[in-house]
Amino acid sequence: MERYGKIIIHLDELIEKAGISKNKLSQRAEMQRTQLNHYCNNTVTRLDVDVLARLCTVLNCEIGDLLEFVPPEQ
């Protein structure tokens, strides 16, 4: 997997910056707390564009604030 680089989800930092609890975010973004934790821990295997849109809306951020592509080491 590292051969193609990886995507890092910066949700924990955005939650802290917004000053919102994970419970409040999961309610406002209409997602399960366990699903939110997978995004926070970077353990989600398939990104859901609808979930990403809801997170960006609730956190008032851009997709580039939430996701970062780290290219593979050469």
PDB file of N, CA and C in Angstrom:
ATOM      1  N   MET A   1       0.823  -1.195   0.000  1.00  0.00           N
ATOM      2  CA  MET A   1       0.000   0.000   0.000  1.00  0.00           C
ATOM      3  C   MET A   1       0.867   1.258   0.000  1.00  0.00           C
ATOM      4  N   GLU A   2       1.963   1.233   0.744  1.00  0.00           N
ATOM      5  CA  GLU A   2       2.863   2.377   0.815  1.00  0.00           C
ATOM      6  C   GLU A   2       3.507   2.681  -0.536  1.00  0.00           C
ATOM      7  N   ARG A   3       3.466   1.739  -1.420  1.00  0.00           N
ATOM      8  CA  ARG A   3       4.085   1.896  -2.730  1.00  0.00           C
ATOM      9  C   ARG A   3       3.448   3.029  -3.533  1.00  0.00           C
ATOM     10  N   TYR A   4       2.185   3.345  -3.228  1.00  0.00           N
ATOM     11  CA  TYR A   4       1.472   4.403  -3.931  1.00  0.00           C
ATOM     12  C   TYR A   4       1.269   5.644  -3.081  1.00  0.00           C
ATOM     13  N   GLY A   5       1.827   5.660  -1.900  1.00  0.00           N
ATOM     14  CA  GLY A   5       1.604   6.775  -0.992  1.00  0.00           C
ATOM     15  C   GLY A   5       0.408   6.475  -0.112  1.00  0.00           C
ATOM     16  N   LYS A   6      -0.016   7.470   0.644  1.00  0.00           N
ATOM     17  CA  LYS A   6      -1.161   7.263   1.520  1.00  0.00           C
ATOM     18  C   LYS A   6      -1.935   8.562   1.722  1.00  0.00           C
ATOM     19  N   ILE A   7      -3.147   8.411   2.186  1.00  0.00           N
ATOM     20  CA  ILE A   7      -4.010   9.537   2.508  1.00  0.00           C
ATOM     21  C   ILE A   7      -4.080   9.633   4.026  1.00  0.00           C
ATOM     22  N   ILE A   8      -3.824  10.812   4.550  1.00  0.00           N
ATOM     23  CA  ILE A   8      -3.931  11.053   5.982  1.00  0.00           C
ATOM     24  C   ILE A   8      -5.163  11.925   6.222  1.00  0.00           C
ATOM     25  N   ILE A   9      -5.970  11.520   7.193  1.00  0.00           N
ATOM     26  CA  ILE A   9      -7.174  12.265   7.552  1.00  0.00           C
ATOM     27  C   ILE A   9      -6.856  13.084   8.799  1.00  0.00           C
ATOM     28  N   HIS A  10      -7.013  14.384   8.703  1.00  0.00           N
ATOM     29  CA  HIS A  10      -6.675  15.288   9.802  1.00  0.00           C
ATOM     30  C   HIS A  10      -7.910  15.676  10.615  1.00  0.00           C
ATOM     31  N   LEU A  11      -8.799  14.729  10.833  1.00  0.00           N
ATOM     32  CA  LEU A  11     -10.052  15.034  11.515  1.00  0.00           C
ATOM     33  C   LEU A  11      -9.839  15.407  12.979  1.00  0.00           C
ATOM     34  N   ASP A  12      -8.971  14.710  13.678  1.00  0.00           N
ATOM     35  CA  ASP A  12      -8.724  15.033  15.096  1.00  0.00           C
ATOM     36  C   ASP A  12      -8.288  16.487  15.271  1.00  0.00           C
ATOM     37  N   GLU A  13      -7.377  16.947  14.413  1.00  0.00           N
ATOM     38  CA  GLU A  13      -6.897  18.330  14.516  1.00  0.00           C
ATOM     39  C   GLU A  13      -8.023  19.319  14.235  1.00  0.00           C
ATOM     40  N   LEU A  14      -8.862  19.008  13.250  1.00  0.00           N
ATOM     41  CA  LEU A  14      -9.967  19.904  12.906  1.00  0.00           C
ATOM     42  C   LEU A  14     -11.019  19.953  14.003  1.00  0.00           C
ATOM     43  N   ILE A  15     -11.252  18.816  14.651  1.00  0.00           N
ATOM     44  CA  ILE A  15     -12.202  18.780  15.769  1.00  0.00           C
ATOM     45  C   ILE A  15     -11.694  19.661  16.906  1.00  0.00           C
ATOM     46  N   GLU A  16     -10.413  19.528  17.218  1.00  0.00           N
ATOM     47  CA  GLU A  16      -9.829  20.337  18.283  1.00  0.00           C
ATOM     48  C   GLU A  16      -9.875  21.821  17.933  1.00  0.00           C
ATOM     49  N   LYS A  17      -9.533  22.147  16.701  1.00  0.00           N
ATOM     50  CA  LYS A  17      -9.531  23.536  16.246  1.00  0.00           C
ATOM     51  C   LYS A  17     -10.934  24.139  16.304  1.00  0.00           C
ATOM     52  N   ALA A  18     -11.951  23.337  15.957  1.00  0.00           N
ATOM     53  CA  ALA A  18     -13.336  23.818  15.958  1.00  0.00           C
ATOM     54  C   ALA A  18     -13.916  23.881  17.370  1.00  0.00           C
ATOM     55  N   GLY A  19     -13.279  23.203  18.324  1.00  0.00           N
ATOM     56  CA  GLY A  19     -13.772  23.199  19.689  1.00  0.00           C
ATOM     57  C   GLY A  19     -15.104  22.484  19.842  1.00  0.00           C
ATOM     58  N   ILE A  20     -15.269  21.406  19.087  1.00  0.00           N
ATOM     59  CA  ILE A  20     -16.514  20.638  19.115  1.00  0.00           C
ATOM     60  C   ILE A  20     -16.213  19.233  19.637  1.00  0.00           C
ATOM     61  N   SER A  21     -17.155  18.658  20.344  1.00  0.00           N
ATOM     62  CA  SER A  21     -16.947  17.294  20.836  1.00  0.00           C
ATOM     63  C   SER A  21     -17.234  16.288  19.722  1.00  0.00           C
ATOM     64  N   LYS A  22     -16.676  15.101  19.871  1.00  0.00           N
ATOM     65  CA  LYS A  22     -16.931  14.052  18.881  1.00  0.00           C
ATOM     66  C   LYS A  22     -18.409  13.668  18.874  1.00  0.00           C
ATOM     67  N   ASN A  23     -19.035  13.678  20.040  1.00  0.00           N
ATOM     68  CA  ASN A  23     -20.464  13.364  20.094  1.00  0.00           C
ATOM     69  C   ASN A  23     -21.288  14.388  19.325  1.00  0.00           C
ATOM     70  N   LYS A  24     -20.990  15.667  19.518  1.00  0.00           N
ATOM     71  CA  LYS A  24     -21.721  16.732  18.825  1.00  0.00           C
ATOM     72  C   LYS A  24     -21.475  16.652  17.321  1.00  0.00           C
ATOM     73  N   LEU A  25     -20.224  16.390  16.936  1.00  0.00           N
ATOM     74  CA  LEU A  25     -19.902  16.266  15.515  1.00  0.00           C
ATOM     75  C   LEU A  25     -20.630  15.083  14.892  1.00  0.00           C
ATOM     76  N   SER A  26     -20.636  13.955  15.567  1.00  0.00           N
ATOM     77  CA  SER A  26     -21.318  12.782  15.009  1.00  0.00           C
ATOM     78  C   SER A  26     -22.808  13.034  14.851  1.00  0.00           C
ATOM     79  N   GLN A  27     -23.410  13.779  15.775  1.00  0.00           N
ATOM     80  CA  GLN A  27     -24.828  14.137  15.643  1.00  0.00           C
ATOM     81  C   GLN A  27     -25.052  15.072  14.465  1.00  0.00           C
ATOM     82  N   ARG A  28     -24.269  16.135  14.400  1.00  0.00           N
ATOM     83  CA  ARG A  28     -24.453  17.146  13.341  1.00  0.00           C
ATOM     84  C   ARG A  28     -24.136  16.597  11.953  1.00  0.00           C
ATOM     85  N   ALA A  29     -23.162  15.698  11.879  1.00  0.00           N
ATOM     86  CA  ALA A  29     -22.779  15.115  10.588  1.00  0.00           C
ATOM     87  C   ALA A  29     -23.576  13.847  10.277  1.00  0.00           C
ATOM     88  N   GLU A  30     -24.484  13.481  11.183  1.00  0.00           N
ATOM     89  CA  GLU A  30     -25.342  12.311  11.002  1.00  0.00           C
ATOM     90  C   GLU A  30     -24.543  11.046  10.689  1.00  0.00           C
ATOM     91  N   MET A  31     -23.621  10.741  11.594  1.00  0.00           N
ATOM     92  CA  MET A  31     -22.828   9.538  11.433  1.00  0.00           C
ATOM     93  C   MET A  31     -22.651   8.856  12.789  1.00  0.00           C
ATOM     94  N   GLN A  32     -22.398   7.552  12.741  1.00  0.00           N
ATOM     95  CA  GLN A  32     -22.177   6.776  13.947  1.00  0.00           C
ATOM     96  C   GLN A  32     -20.872   7.211  14.609  1.00  0.00           C
ATOM     97  N   ARG A  33     -20.840   7.167  15.922  1.00  0.00           N
ATOM     98  CA  ARG A  33     -19.635   7.542  16.659  1.00  0.00           C
ATOM     99  C   ARG A  33     -18.472   6.608  16.298  1.00  0.00           C
ATOM    100  N   THR A  34     -18.768   5.318  16.086  1.00  0.00           N
ATOM    101  CA  THR A  34     -17.704   4.382  15.714  1.00  0.00           C
ATOM    102  C   THR A  34     -17.129   4.724  14.340  1.00  0.00           C
ATOM    103  N   GLN A  35     -18.003   5.136  13.418  1.00  0.00           N
ATOM    104  CA  GLN A  35     -17.536   5.543  12.088  1.00  0.00           C
ATOM    105  C   GLN A  35     -16.652   6.788  12.206  1.00  0.00           C
ATOM    106  N   LEU A  36     -17.068   7.734  13.027  1.00  0.00           N
ATOM    107  CA  LEU A  36     -16.283   8.944  13.253  1.00  0.00           C
ATOM    108  C   LEU A  36     -14.907   8.588  13.820  1.00  0.00           C
ATOM    109  N   ASN A  37     -14.877   7.644  14.757  1.00  0.00           N
ATOM    110  CA  ASN A  37     -13.601   7.226  15.336  1.00  0.00           C
ATOM    111  C   ASN A  37     -12.671   6.608  14.297  1.00  0.00           C
ATOM    112  N   HIS A  38     -13.222   5.865  13.342  1.00  0.00           N
ATOM    113  CA  HIS A  38     -12.394   5.296  12.269  1.00  0.00           C
ATOM    114  C   HIS A  38     -11.753   6.414  11.440  1.00  0.00           C
ATOM    115  N   TYR A  39     -12.508   7.467  11.170  1.00  0.00           N
ATOM    116  CA  TYR A  39     -11.941   8.605  10.440  1.00  0.00           C
ATOM    117  C   TYR A  39     -10.886   9.322  11.285  1.00  0.00           C
ATOM    118  N   CYS A  40     -11.153   9.486  12.572  1.00  0.00           N
ATOM    119  CA  CYS A  40     -10.201  10.153  13.471  1.00  0.00           C
ATOM    120  C   CYS A  40      -8.907   9.360  13.611  1.00  0.00           C
ATOM    121  N   ASN A  41      -9.011   8.043  13.640  1.00  0.00           N
ATOM    122  CA  ASN A  41      -7.841   7.181  13.839  1.00  0.00           C
ATOM    123  C   ASN A  41      -7.162   6.765  12.535  1.00  0.00           C
ATOM    124  N   ASN A  42      -7.648   7.282  11.419  1.00  0.00           N
ATOM    125  CA  ASN A  42      -7.095   6.931  10.111  1.00  0.00           C
ATOM    126  C   ASN A  42      -7.150   5.429   9.850  1.00  0.00           C
ATOM    127  N   THR A  43      -8.208   4.783  10.316  1.00  0.00           N
ATOM    128  CA  THR A  43      -8.353   3.348  10.102  1.00  0.00           C
ATOM    129  C   THR A  43      -9.471   3.033   9.116  1.00  0.00           C
ATOM    130  N   VAL A  44     -10.091   4.058   8.552  1.00  0.00           N
ATOM    131  CA  VAL A  44     -11.132   3.835   7.552  1.00  0.00           C
ATOM    132  C   VAL A  44     -10.457   3.346   6.271  1.00  0.00           C
ATOM    133  N   THR A  45     -11.046   2.352   5.620  1.00  0.00           N
ATOM    134  CA  THR A  45     -10.417   1.792   4.421  1.00  0.00           C
ATOM    135  C   THR A  45     -11.013   2.347   3.132  1.00  0.00           C
ATOM    136  N   ARG A  46     -12.252   2.794   3.191  1.00  0.00           N
ATOM    137  CA  ARG A  46     -12.892   3.383   2.011  1.00  0.00           C
ATOM    138  C   ARG A  46     -13.548   4.699   2.405  1.00  0.00           C
ATOM    139  N   LEU A  47     -13.129   5.770   1.744  1.00  0.00           N
ATOM    140  CA  LEU A  47     -13.689   7.081   2.039  1.00  0.00           C
ATOM    141  C   LEU A  47     -15.055   7.222   1.378  1.00  0.00           C
ATOM    142  N   ASP A  48     -15.990   7.756   2.112  1.00  0.00           N
ATOM    143  CA  ASP A  48     -17.341   8.002   1.629  1.00  0.00           C
ATOM    144  C   ASP A  48     -17.453   9.497   1.336  1.00  0.00           C
ATOM    145  N   VAL A  49     -17.677   9.865   0.076  1.00  0.00           N
ATOM    146  CA  VAL A  49     -17.712  11.281  -0.295  1.00  0.00           C
ATOM    147  C   VAL A  49     -18.849  12.021   0.396  1.00  0.00           C
ATOM    148  N   ASP A  50     -19.959  11.342   0.677  1.00  0.00           N
ATOM    149  CA  ASP A  50     -21.059  11.969   1.393  1.00  0.00           C
ATOM    150  C   ASP A  50     -20.640  12.304   2.819  1.00  0.00           C
ATOM    151  N   VAL A  51     -19.954  11.391   3.474  1.00  0.00           N
ATOM    152  CA  VAL A  51     -19.457  11.635   4.833  1.00  0.00           C
ATOM    153  C   VAL A  51     -18.453  12.781   4.816  1.00  0.00           C
ATOM    154  N   LEU A  52     -17.553  12.795   3.845  1.00  0.00           N
ATOM    155  CA  LEU A  52     -16.561  13.870   3.749  1.00  0.00           C
ATOM    156  C   LEU A  52     -17.244  15.222   3.566  1.00  0.00           C
ATOM    157  N   ALA A  53     -18.279  15.271   2.738  1.00  0.00           N
ATOM    158  CA  ALA A  53     -19.015  16.518   2.520  1.00  0.00           C
ATOM    159  C   ALA A  53     -19.688  16.982   3.810  1.00  0.00           C
ATOM    160  N   ARG A  54     -20.282  16.048   4.553  1.00  0.00           N
ATOM    161  CA  ARG A  54     -20.932  16.411   5.819  1.00  0.00           C
ATOM    162  C   ARG A  54     -19.908  16.916   6.832  1.00  0.00           C
ATOM    163  N   LEU A  55     -18.750  16.250   6.913  1.00  0.00           N
ATOM    164  CA  LEU A  55     -17.711  16.694   7.841  1.00  0.00           C
ATOM    165  C   LEU A  55     -17.218  18.095   7.485  1.00  0.00           C
ATOM    166  N   CYS A  56     -16.976  18.342   6.203  1.00  0.00           N
ATOM    167  CA  CYS A  56     -16.522  19.666   5.771  1.00  0.00           C
ATOM    168  C   CYS A  56     -17.571  20.739   6.059  1.00  0.00           C
ATOM    169  N   THR A  57     -18.837  20.397   5.872  1.00  0.00           N
ATOM    170  CA  THR A  57     -19.906  21.354   6.140  1.00  0.00           C
ATOM    171  C   THR A  57     -19.979  21.693   7.623  1.00  0.00           C
ATOM    172  N   VAL A  58     -20.007  20.666   8.458  1.00  0.00           N
ATOM    173  CA  VAL A  58     -20.131  20.881   9.905  1.00  0.00           C
ATOM    174  C   VAL A  58     -18.903  21.594  10.468  1.00  0.00           C
ATOM    175  N   LEU A  59     -17.720  21.225   9.989  1.00  0.00           N
ATOM    176  CA  LEU A  59     -16.483  21.825  10.493  1.00  0.00           C
ATOM    177  C   LEU A  59     -16.098  23.104   9.754  1.00  0.00           C
ATOM    178  N   ASN A  60     -16.885  23.455   8.727  1.00  0.00           N
ATOM    179  CA  ASN A  60     -16.638  24.666   7.939  1.00  0.00           C
ATOM    180  C   ASN A  60     -15.191  24.698   7.425  1.00  0.00           C
ATOM    181  N   CYS A  61     -14.822  23.613   6.726  1.00  0.00           N
ATOM    182  CA  CYS A  61     -13.460  23.503   6.205  1.00  0.00           C
ATOM    183  C   CYS A  61     -13.495  23.020   4.753  1.00  0.00           C
ATOM    184  N   GLU A  62     -12.353  23.051   4.128  1.00  0.00           N
ATOM    185  CA  GLU A  62     -12.193  22.552   2.765  1.00  0.00           C
ATOM    186  C   GLU A  62     -11.717  21.104   2.818  1.00  0.00           C
ATOM    187  N   ILE A  63     -11.913  20.369   1.734  1.00  0.00           N
ATOM    188  CA  ILE A  63     -11.481  18.973   1.675  1.00  0.00           C
ATOM    189  C   ILE A  63      -9.961  18.862   1.869  1.00  0.00           C
ATOM    190  N   GLY A  64      -9.223  19.841   1.398  1.00  0.00           N
ATOM    191  CA  GLY A  64      -7.767  19.852   1.567  1.00  0.00           C
ATOM    192  C   GLY A  64      -7.336  20.049   3.009  1.00  0.00           C
ATOM    193  N   ASP A  65      -8.212  20.612   3.834  1.00  0.00           N
ATOM    194  CA  ASP A  65      -7.925  20.730   5.264  1.00  0.00           C
ATOM    195  C   ASP A  65      -8.091  19.376   5.947  1.00  0.00           C
ATOM    196  N   LEU A  66      -8.997  18.579   5.414  1.00  0.00           N
ATOM    197  CA  LEU A  66      -9.344  17.291   6.008  1.00  0.00           C
ATOM    198  C   LEU A  66      -8.437  16.154   5.531  1.00  0.00           C
ATOM    199  N   LEU A  67      -8.089  16.161   4.246  1.00  0.00           N
ATOM    200  CA  LEU A  67      -7.309  15.070   3.653  1.00  0.00           C
ATOM    201  C   LEU A  67      -5.962  15.562   3.152  1.00  0.00           C
ATOM    202  N   GLU A  68      -4.948  14.725   3.323  1.00  0.00           N
ATOM    203  CA  GLU A  68      -3.606  15.030   2.815  1.00  0.00           C
ATOM    204  C   GLU A  68      -3.054  13.799   2.116  1.00  0.00           C
ATOM    205  N   PHE A  69      -2.536  13.975   0.913  1.00  0.00           N
ATOM    206  CA  PHE A  69      -1.875  12.893   0.191  1.00  0.00           C
ATOM    207  C   PHE A  69      -0.389  12.963   0.480  1.00  0.00           C
ATOM    208  N   VAL A  70       0.159  11.847   0.960  1.00  0.00           N
ATOM    209  CA  VAL A  70       1.600  11.749   1.211  1.00  0.00           C
ATOM    210  C   VAL A  70       2.161  10.789   0.168  1.00  0.00           C
ATOM    211  N   PRO A  71       2.984  11.315  -0.764  1.00  0.00           N
ATOM    212  CA  PRO A  71       3.520  10.450  -1.818  1.00  0.00           C
ATOM    213  C   PRO A  71       4.456   9.382  -1.251  1.00  0.00           C
ATOM    214  N   PRO A  72       4.645   8.313  -2.008  1.00  0.00           N
ATOM    215  CA  PRO A  72       5.548   7.239  -1.538  1.00  0.00           C
ATOM    216  C   PRO A  72       6.985   7.740  -1.495  1.00  0.00           C
ATOM    217  N   GLU A  73       7.738   7.171  -0.583  1.00  0.00           N
ATOM    218  CA  GLU A  73       9.166   7.495  -0.525  1.00  0.00           C
ATOM    219  C   GLU A  73       9.868   6.790  -1.675  1.00  0.00           C
ATOM    220  N   GLN A  74      10.749   7.479  -2.311  1.00  0.00           N
ATOM    221  CA  GLN A  74      11.467   6.923  -3.469  1.00  0.00           C
ATOM    222  C   GLN A  74      12.691   6.165  -3.049  1.00  0.00           C
TER     223      GLN A  74
END
